[in-house]
Amino acid sequence: MGTTAIHAAPTKTTSVVSARDLTRQYGSGETTVHALRGVSVEVARGELTAVMGPSGSGKSTLMHILAGLDRPTAGNVWIGDTDIGKLGDTQLTKLRREHIGFIFQFFNLLPMLTAKENILLPMSIAGAKPDPAWVADLTRAVGLDERLSHRPSELSGGQQQRVAIARALVSKPTVMFADEPTGNLDSRTSGEILELLRTSVSSYGQTTVMVTHDAHAAAIADRILFLADGLIVKDLGPSSSHEILDALEEVTAR
């Protein structure tokens, strides 16, 4: 039996993450919340895609589903050519470990581990042996050479986020998801972190999806998707923060 075109796996060369007709509902009956209402999107290899929208637009729900942290009510998601909806919990955990990197607003570092141990944690969990040359290059790139023996409590917010970025990159994931990565940082530190994220895309070809409410953050992206009421309503290429603010105002006023 063949499959319909809309459910065919995307070609690896065109995208590394792909979604078709995603819906996500919470609750039932009159209290049902339609977080996503039929979203289809492809994330291009080696690009930084920003996702924006007003509160309640569905942007965090979309990221969680693309990253395999939540399952859609209906629709399909592929990482590479793997339909993650067909995976069991153990298989999905393995896929996230091997193919997905995460950066969160609140760092999520383990307080009892040093910076270096936090960075290497994904590989330790996977039982993989890190490449010393890659780890050295990565820690140098994120500016942590002299802080590797420090625990999170001994690091600034910006340094903790650098550790989180290095942790997300160390296994060279297929895609990295960043959820409001500068939301807990001052403007100067935010600028440094954004520059680092941009460098990871430009220098390492790291495909990245970033959810943000900050137009300055979205301005580093190759593509900006705007969500409203659970739908993608605008899709921009590289844009200035002023253009992004205009687009966000237009979307919010819908």
C-alpha atoms as a PDB file:
ATOM      1  CA  MET A   1       0.000   0.000   0.000  1.00  0.00           C
ATOM      2  CA  GLY A   2       1.329   3.452  -0.839  1.00  0.00           C
ATOM      3  CA  THR A   3       1.164   6.552   1.282  1.00  0.00           C
ATOM      4  CA  THR A   4      -0.338   9.851   0.257  1.00  0.00           C
ATOM      5  CA  ALA A   5       2.042  12.628  -0.716  1.00  0.00           C
ATOM      6  CA  ILE A   6       1.235  14.673   2.348  1.00  0.00           C
ATOM      7  CA  HIS A   7       2.593  11.907   4.592  1.00  0.00           C
ATOM      8  CA  ALA A   8       5.728  11.166   2.574  1.00  0.00           C
ATOM      9  CA  ALA A   9       8.952  11.705   4.481  1.00  0.00           C
ATOM     10  CA  PRO A  10      10.803  14.881   3.497  1.00  0.00           C
ATOM     11  CA  THR A  11      14.008  14.668   1.516  1.00  0.00           C
ATOM     12  CA  LYS A  12      17.055  14.892   3.767  1.00  0.00           C
ATOM     13  CA  THR A  13      18.707  17.442   1.540  1.00  0.00           C
ATOM     14  CA  THR A  14      15.831  19.897   1.846  1.00  0.00           C
ATOM     15  CA  SER A  15      15.082  19.798   5.556  1.00  0.00           C
ATOM     16  CA  VAL A  16      16.186  18.245   8.816  1.00  0.00           C
ATOM     17  CA  VAL A  17      12.896  18.775  10.647  1.00  0.00           C
ATOM     18  CA  SER A  18       9.529  18.600   8.945  1.00  0.00           C
ATOM     19  CA  ALA A  19       5.945  18.737  10.170  1.00  0.00           C
ATOM     20  CA  ARG A  20       2.672  18.105   8.355  1.00  0.00           C
ATOM     21  CA  ASP A  21      -0.780  19.207   9.491  1.00  0.00           C
ATOM     22  CA  LEU A  22       0.025  19.391  13.202  1.00  0.00           C
ATOM     23  CA  THR A  23      -2.867  19.914  15.561  1.00  0.00           C
ATOM     24  CA  ARG A  24      -2.669  19.949  19.349  1.00  0.00           C
ATOM     25  CA  GLN A  25      -5.693  20.109  21.578  1.00  0.00           C
ATOM     26  CA  TYR A  26      -5.834  20.296  25.353  1.00  0.00           C
ATOM     27  CA  GLY A  27      -8.973  19.414  27.252  1.00  0.00           C
ATOM     28  CA  SER A  28     -12.314  18.444  25.752  1.00  0.00           C
ATOM     29  CA  GLY A  29     -15.779  19.756  25.090  1.00  0.00           C
ATOM     30  CA  GLU A  30     -16.407  23.466  25.609  1.00  0.00           C
ATOM     31  CA  THR A  31     -13.093  23.906  27.446  1.00  0.00           C
ATOM     32  CA  THR A  32     -10.980  22.544  24.575  1.00  0.00           C
ATOM     33  CA  VAL A  33      -7.910  24.663  23.812  1.00  0.00           C
ATOM     34  CA  HIS A  34      -6.677  24.447  20.218  1.00  0.00           C
ATOM     35  CA  ALA A  35      -2.970  25.212  20.637  1.00  0.00           C
ATOM     36  CA  LEU A  36      -2.131  24.231  17.036  1.00  0.00           C
ATOM     37  CA  ARG A  37      -4.680  24.165  14.234  1.00  0.00           C
ATOM     38  CA  GLY A  38      -2.910  22.494  11.289  1.00  0.00           C
ATOM     39  CA  VAL A  39       0.708  23.631  11.068  1.00  0.00           C
ATOM     40  CA  SER A  40       3.023  22.432   8.316  1.00  0.00           C
ATOM     41  CA  VAL A  41       6.650  23.550   8.239  1.00  0.00           C
ATOM     42  CA  GLU A  42      10.093  22.476   7.088  1.00  0.00           C
ATOM     43  CA  VAL A  43      13.285  23.548   8.826  1.00  0.00           C
ATOM     44  CA  ALA A  44      16.171  23.917   6.396  1.00  0.00           C
ATOM     45  CA  ARG A  45      19.539  22.347   7.098  1.00  0.00           C
ATOM     46  CA  GLY A  46      22.205  24.725   8.403  1.00  0.00           C
ATOM     47  CA  GLU A  47      19.832  27.624   9.063  1.00  0.00           C
ATOM     48  CA  LEU A  48      18.571  29.433  12.146  1.00  0.00           C
ATOM     49  CA  THR A  49      14.781  29.634  12.225  1.00  0.00           C
ATOM     50  CA  ALA A  50      13.126  31.927  14.766  1.00  0.00           C
ATOM     51  CA  VAL A  51       9.546  31.339  15.918  1.00  0.00           C
ATOM     52  CA  MET A  52       7.590  34.330  17.219  1.00  0.00           C
ATOM     53  CA  GLY A  53       4.043  35.224  18.144  1.00  0.00           C
ATOM     54  CA  PRO A  54       1.908  36.677  20.930  1.00  0.00           C
ATOM     55  CA  SER A  55       1.341  34.784  24.156  1.00  0.00           C
ATOM     56  CA  GLY A  56      -0.874  31.774  23.522  1.00  0.00           C
ATOM     57  CA  SER A  57      -0.109  31.674  19.801  1.00  0.00           C
ATOM     58  CA  GLY A  58       1.242  28.114  19.945  1.00  0.00           C
ATOM     59  CA  LYS A  59       4.958  28.790  19.469  1.00  0.00           C
ATOM     60  CA  SER A  60       6.156  26.843  22.515  1.00  0.00           C
ATOM     61  CA  THR A  61       3.742  23.999  21.752  1.00  0.00           C
ATOM     62  CA  LEU A  62       5.132  23.815  18.216  1.00  0.00           C
ATOM     63  CA  MET A  63       8.724  23.674  19.470  1.00  0.00           C
ATOM     64  CA  HIS A  64       7.931  20.987  22.028  1.00  0.00           C
ATOM     65  CA  ILE A  65       6.251  18.832  19.384  1.00  0.00           C
ATOM     66  CA  LEU A  66       9.057  19.319  16.835  1.00  0.00           C
ATOM     67  CA  ALA A  67      11.566  18.350  19.522  1.00  0.00           C
ATOM     68  CA  GLY A  68       9.663  15.240  20.561  1.00  0.00           C
ATOM     69  CA  LEU A  69       8.898  16.596  24.039  1.00  0.00           C
ATOM     70  CA  ASP A  70       5.160  16.492  23.346  1.00  0.00           C
ATOM     71  CA  ARG A  71       3.037  14.546  20.891  1.00  0.00           C
ATOM     72  CA  PRO A  72       0.525  16.162  18.532  1.00  0.00           C
ATOM     73  CA  THR A  73      -3.169  15.340  18.606  1.00  0.00           C
ATOM     74  CA  ALA A  74      -2.835  14.746  14.861  1.00  0.00           C
ATOM     75  CA  GLY A  75      -0.170  15.217  12.218  1.00  0.00           C
ATOM     76  CA  ASN A  76       3.357  13.999  11.594  1.00  0.00           C
ATOM     77  CA  VAL A  77       6.863  15.133  12.549  1.00  0.00           C
ATOM     78  CA  TRP A  78      10.091  13.897  11.007  1.00  0.00           C
ATOM     79  CA  ILE A  79      13.632  14.341  12.271  1.00  0.00           C
ATOM     80  CA  GLY A  80      15.657  13.553   9.173  1.00  0.00           C
ATOM     81  CA  ASP A  81      13.692  10.698   7.606  1.00  0.00           C
ATOM     82  CA  THR A  82      12.378   9.320  10.918  1.00  0.00           C
ATOM     83  CA  ASP A  83       8.677   9.768  11.649  1.00  0.00           C
ATOM     84  CA  ILE A  84       8.965  10.348  15.387  1.00  0.00           C
ATOM     85  CA  GLY A  85       5.261   9.709  15.953  1.00  0.00           C
ATOM     86  CA  LYS A  86       5.914   6.028  15.217  1.00  0.00           C
ATOM     87  CA  LEU A  87       8.546   5.729  17.955  1.00  0.00           C
ATOM     88  CA  GLY A  88       7.909   4.334  21.412  1.00  0.00           C
ATOM     89  CA  ASP A  89       9.028   6.267  24.476  1.00  0.00           C
ATOM     90  CA  THR A  90      12.399   4.487  24.697  1.00  0.00           C
ATOM     91  CA  GLN A  91      13.115   4.993  20.992  1.00  0.00           C
ATOM     92  CA  LEU A  92      12.072   8.634  21.233  1.00  0.00           C
ATOM     93  CA  THR A  93      14.368   9.221  24.208  1.00  0.00           C
ATOM     94  CA  LYS A  94      17.239   7.682  22.229  1.00  0.00           C
ATOM     95  CA  LEU A  95      16.466   9.866  19.203  1.00  0.00           C
ATOM     96  CA  ARG A  96      16.405  13.033  21.330  1.00  0.00           C
ATOM     97  CA  ARG A  97      19.705  12.043  22.939  1.00  0.00           C
ATOM     98  CA  GLU A  98      21.421  11.420  19.606  1.00  0.00           C
ATOM     99  CA  HIS A  99      19.863  14.031  17.335  1.00  0.00           C
ATOM    100  CA  ILE A 100      18.512  16.949  19.392  1.00  0.00           C
ATOM    101  CA  GLY A 101      20.215  19.628  21.483  1.00  0.00           C
ATOM    102  CA  PHE A 102      18.301  21.862  23.898  1.00  0.00           C
ATOM    103  CA  ILE A 103      18.906  25.347  25.299  1.00  0.00           C
ATOM    104  CA  PHE A 104      16.428  26.702  27.844  1.00  0.00           C
ATOM    105  CA  GLN A 105      15.808  30.103  29.400  1.00  0.00           C
ATOM    106  CA  PHE A 106      16.842  28.919  32.859  1.00  0.00           C
ATOM    107  CA  PHE A 107      19.975  26.973  31.820  1.00  0.00           C
ATOM    108  CA  ASN A 108      18.969  23.657  33.517  1.00  0.00           C
ATOM    109  CA  LEU A 109      22.518  22.846  34.630  1.00  0.00           C
ATOM    110  CA  LEU A 110      23.172  20.254  37.331  1.00  0.00           C
ATOM    111  CA  PRO A 111      24.497  22.181  40.347  1.00  0.00           C
ATOM    112  CA  MET A 112      26.771  19.418  41.643  1.00  0.00           C
ATOM    113  CA  LEU A 113      28.672  19.097  38.352  1.00  0.00           C
ATOM    114  CA  THR A 114      31.444  21.345  37.039  1.00  0.00           C
ATOM    115  CA  ALA A 115      30.985  23.300  33.828  1.00  0.00           C
ATOM    116  CA  LYS A 116      32.934  20.670  31.897  1.00  0.00           C
ATOM    117  CA  GLU A 117      30.939  17.818  33.421  1.00  0.00           C
ATOM    118  CA  ASN A 118      27.686  19.600  32.513  1.00  0.00           C
ATOM    119  CA  ILE A 119      28.922  20.079  28.944  1.00  0.00           C
ATOM    120  CA  LEU A 120      29.823  16.408  28.593  1.00  0.00           C
ATOM    121  CA  LEU A 121      26.663  15.139  30.306  1.00  0.00           C
ATOM    122  CA  PRO A 122      24.759  14.181  27.110  1.00  0.00           C
ATOM    123  CA  MET A 123      27.682  12.064  25.966  1.00  0.00           C
ATOM    124  CA  SER A 124      28.099  10.513  29.420  1.00  0.00           C
ATOM    125  CA  ILE A 125      24.420   9.521  29.462  1.00  0.00           C
ATOM    126  CA  ALA A 126      24.735   8.067  25.964  1.00  0.00           C
ATOM    127  CA  GLY A 127      27.899   6.174  26.895  1.00  0.00           C
ATOM    128  CA  ALA A 128      29.733   7.942  24.086  1.00  0.00           C
ATOM    129  CA  LYS A 129      33.373   8.983  24.171  1.00  0.00           C
ATOM    130  CA  PRO A 130      33.880  12.689  23.435  1.00  0.00           C
ATOM    131  CA  ASP A 131      36.447  13.825  20.888  1.00  0.00           C
ATOM    132  CA  PRO A 132      38.974  15.819  22.993  1.00  0.00           C
ATOM    133  CA  ALA A 133      39.862  18.091  20.067  1.00  0.00           C
ATOM    134  CA  TRP A 134      36.198  18.935  19.435  1.00  0.00           C
ATOM    135  CA  VAL A 135      35.517  19.575  23.125  1.00  0.00           C
ATOM    136  CA  ALA A 136      38.570  21.849  23.352  1.00  0.00           C
ATOM    137  CA  ASP A 137      37.513  23.759  20.220  1.00  0.00           C
ATOM    138  CA  LEU A 138      33.948  24.070  21.498  1.00  0.00           C
ATOM    139  CA  THR A 139      34.841  25.302  24.987  1.00  0.00           C
ATOM    140  CA  ARG A 140      37.235  27.805  23.436  1.00  0.00           C
ATOM    141  CA  ALA A 141      34.549  29.009  21.021  1.00  0.00           C
ATOM    142  CA  VAL A 142      32.057  29.629  23.828  1.00  0.00           C
ATOM    143  CA  GLY A 143      34.679  31.363  25.977  1.00  0.00           C
ATOM    144  CA  LEU A 144      34.787  28.887  28.851  1.00  0.00           C
ATOM    145  CA  ASP A 145      38.435  27.755  28.791  1.00  0.00           C
ATOM    146  CA  GLU A 146      39.163  29.167  32.220  1.00  0.00           C
ATOM    147  CA  ARG A 147      35.845  28.266  33.862  1.00  0.00           C
ATOM    148  CA  LEU A 148      35.563  24.546  33.177  1.00  0.00           C
ATOM    149  CA  SER A 149      36.272  23.489  36.762  1.00  0.00           C
ATOM    150  CA  HIS A 150      33.667  25.868  38.217  1.00  0.00           C
ATOM    151  CA  ARG A 151      30.200  24.783  39.314  1.00  0.00           C
ATOM    152  CA  PRO A 152      27.096  26.679  38.110  1.00  0.00           C
ATOM    153  CA  SER A 153      26.810  28.640  41.381  1.00  0.00           C
ATOM    154  CA  GLU A 154      30.259  30.089  40.658  1.00  0.00           C
ATOM    155  CA  LEU A 155      29.290  31.275  37.168  1.00  0.00           C
ATOM    156  CA  SER A 156      27.365  34.317  35.953  1.00  0.00           C
ATOM    157  CA  GLY A 157      24.081  33.897  34.095  1.00  0.00           C
ATOM    158  CA  GLY A 158      25.814  34.472  30.787  1.00  0.00           C
ATOM    159  CA  GLN A 159      28.498  31.909  31.600  1.00  0.00           C
ATOM    160  CA  GLN A 160      25.852  29.382  32.614  1.00  0.00           C
ATOM    161  CA  GLN A 161      24.085  29.886  29.300  1.00  0.00           C
ATOM    162  CA  ARG A 162      27.408  29.386  27.496  1.00  0.00           C
ATOM    163  CA  VAL A 163      27.746  26.069  29.309  1.00  0.00           C
ATOM    164  CA  ALA A 164      24.203  25.184  28.201  1.00  0.00           C
ATOM    165  CA  ILE A 165      25.021  26.059  24.582  1.00  0.00           C
ATOM    166  CA  ALA A 166      28.195  23.971  24.652  1.00  0.00           C
ATOM    167  CA  ARG A 167      26.222  21.084  26.207  1.00  0.00           C
ATOM    168  CA  ALA A 168      23.675  21.331  23.377  1.00  0.00           C
ATOM    169  CA  LEU A 169      26.404  21.382  20.712  1.00  0.00           C
ATOM    170  CA  VAL A 170      28.821  18.785  22.076  1.00  0.00           C
ATOM    171  CA  SER A 171      27.117  15.804  20.465  1.00  0.00           C
ATOM    172  CA  LYS A 172      26.795  17.645  17.117  1.00  0.00           C
ATOM    173  CA  PRO A 173      22.994  17.245  17.051  1.00  0.00           C
ATOM    174  CA  THR A 174      20.918  17.163  13.908  1.00  0.00           C
ATOM    175  CA  VAL A 175      18.971  20.144  15.247  1.00  0.00           C
ATOM    176  CA  MET A 176      19.251  22.424  18.260  1.00  0.00           C
ATOM    177  CA  PHE A 177      16.150  23.929  19.887  1.00  0.00           C
ATOM    178  CA  ALA A 178      16.505  27.137  21.901  1.00  0.00           C
ATOM    179  CA  ASP A 179      13.557  28.231  24.063  1.00  0.00           C
ATOM    180  CA  GLU A 180      13.856  31.955  24.924  1.00  0.00           C
ATOM    181  CA  PRO A 181      17.664  31.567  25.264  1.00  0.00           C
ATOM    182  CA  THR A 182      18.198  35.209  26.260  1.00  0.00           C
ATOM    183  CA  GLY A 183      15.012  35.647  28.294  1.00  0.00           C
ATOM    184  CA  ASN A 184      16.830  35.544  31.643  1.00  0.00           C
ATOM    185  CA  LEU A 185      19.832  37.702  30.696  1.00  0.00           C
ATOM    186  CA  ASP A 186      20.662  41.416  30.599  1.00  0.00           C
ATOM    187  CA  SER A 187      20.897  43.141  27.227  1.00  0.00           C
ATOM    188  CA  ARG A 188      24.684  43.064  26.951  1.00  0.00           C
ATOM    189  CA  THR A 189      24.928  39.388  27.868  1.00  0.00           C
ATOM    190  CA  SER A 190      22.000  38.644  25.558  1.00  0.00           C
ATOM    191  CA  GLY A 191      23.923  40.173  22.672  1.00  0.00           C
ATOM    192  CA  GLU A 192      26.933  37.947  23.412  1.00  0.00           C
ATOM    193  CA  ILE A 193      24.770  34.818  23.567  1.00  0.00           C
ATOM    194  CA  LEU A 194      23.008  35.707  20.311  1.00  0.00           C
ATOM    195  CA  GLU A 195      26.357  36.210  18.615  1.00  0.00           C
ATOM    196  CA  LEU A 196      27.392  32.781  19.874  1.00  0.00           C
ATOM    197  CA  LEU A 197      24.212  31.172  18.530  1.00  0.00           C
ATOM    198  CA  ARG A 198      24.730  32.833  15.168  1.00  0.00           C
ATOM    199  CA  THR A 199      28.338  31.618  15.078  1.00  0.00           C
ATOM    200  CA  SER A 200      27.242  28.046  15.803  1.00  0.00           C
ATOM    201  CA  VAL A 201      25.092  28.213  12.665  1.00  0.00           C
ATOM    202  CA  SER A 202      27.612  30.038  10.467  1.00  0.00           C
ATOM    203  CA  SER A 203      30.753  28.179  11.592  1.00  0.00           C
ATOM    204  CA  TYR A 204      29.439  24.711  12.452  1.00  0.00           C
ATOM    205  CA  GLY A 205      26.376  24.579  10.201  1.00  0.00           C
ATOM    206  CA  GLN A 206      24.249  23.870  13.263  1.00  0.00           C
ATOM    207  CA  THR A 207      20.565  23.820  12.328  1.00  0.00           C
ATOM    208  CA  THR A 208      18.737  25.766  15.042  1.00  0.00           C
ATOM    209  CA  VAL A 209      15.127  26.551  15.917  1.00  0.00           C
ATOM    210  CA  MET A 210      14.709  29.405  18.401  1.00  0.00           C
ATOM    211  CA  VAL A 211      11.482  30.467  20.104  1.00  0.00           C
ATOM    212  CA  THR A 212      11.738  34.098  21.167  1.00  0.00           C
ATOM    213  CA  HIS A 213       9.646  37.170  21.925  1.00  0.00           C
ATOM    214  CA  ASP A 214      12.655  39.457  21.331  1.00  0.00           C
ATOM    215  CA  ALA A 215      12.915  41.158  17.926  1.00  0.00           C
ATOM    216  CA  HIS A 216      16.656  41.709  18.437  1.00  0.00           C
ATOM    217  CA  ALA A 217      17.090  37.963  18.936  1.00  0.00           C
ATOM    218  CA  ALA A 218      14.987  37.116  15.882  1.00  0.00           C
ATOM    219  CA  ALA A 219      17.076  39.531  13.791  1.00  0.00           C
ATOM    220  CA  ILE A 220      19.976  37.023  13.777  1.00  0.00           C
ATOM    221  CA  ALA A 221      17.757  34.400  12.113  1.00  0.00           C
ATOM    222  CA  ASP A 222      17.737  33.290   8.490  1.00  0.00           C
ATOM    223  CA  ARG A 223      13.973  32.890   8.701  1.00  0.00           C
ATOM    224  CA  ILE A 224      11.262  34.099  11.080  1.00  0.00           C
ATOM    225  CA  LEU A 225       7.955  32.282  11.449  1.00  0.00           C
ATOM    226  CA  PHE A 226       5.053  34.119  13.100  1.00  0.00           C
ATOM    227  CA  LEU A 227       2.269  32.187  14.793  1.00  0.00           C
ATOM    228  CA  ALA A 228      -1.178  33.428  15.801  1.00  0.00           C
ATOM    229  CA  ASP A 229      -4.076  31.334  17.089  1.00  0.00           C
ATOM    230  CA  GLY A 230      -2.230  28.092  16.389  1.00  0.00           C
ATOM    231  CA  LEU A 231      -1.364  28.843  12.759  1.00  0.00           C
ATOM    232  CA  ILE A 232       1.697  30.129  10.912  1.00  0.00           C
ATOM    233  CA  VAL A 233       0.448  33.443   9.571  1.00  0.00           C
ATOM    234  CA  LYS A 234       3.665  35.056   8.334  1.00  0.00           C
ATOM    235  CA  ASP A 235       7.026  33.753   7.084  1.00  0.00           C
ATOM    236  CA  LEU A 236       9.911  36.217   6.684  1.00  0.00           C
ATOM    237  CA  GLY A 237      13.475  35.872   5.480  1.00  0.00           C
ATOM    238  CA  PRO A 238      16.361  37.732   7.177  1.00  0.00           C
ATOM    239  CA  SER A 239      14.899  40.920   8.652  1.00  0.00           C
ATOM    240  CA  SER A 240      15.880  43.866  10.814  1.00  0.00           C
ATOM    241  CA  SER A 241      14.514  44.169  14.343  1.00  0.00           C
ATOM    242  CA  HIS A 242      12.364  47.091  13.134  1.00  0.00           C
ATOM    243  CA  GLU A 243      10.824  44.971  10.359  1.00  0.00           C
ATOM    244  CA  ILE A 244      10.246  42.142  12.836  1.00  0.00           C
ATOM    245  CA  LEU A 245       8.504  44.459  15.311  1.00  0.00           C
ATOM    246  CA  ASP A 246       6.232  45.719  12.515  1.00  0.00           C
ATOM    247  CA  ALA A 247       5.384  42.161  11.536  1.00  0.00           C
ATOM    248  CA  LEU A 248       4.761  41.159  15.144  1.00  0.00           C
ATOM    249  CA  GLU A 249       2.448  44.132  15.636  1.00  0.00           C
ATOM    250  CA  GLU A 250       0.537  43.161  12.512  1.00  0.00           C
ATOM    251  CA  VAL A 251       0.243  39.538  13.675  1.00  0.00           C
ATOM    252  CA  THR A 252      -0.802  40.485  17.212  1.00  0.00           C
ATOM    253  CA  ALA A 253      -3.529  42.768  15.872  1.00  0.00           C
ATOM    254  CA  ARG A 254      -5.178  39.963  13.875  1.00  0.00           C
END
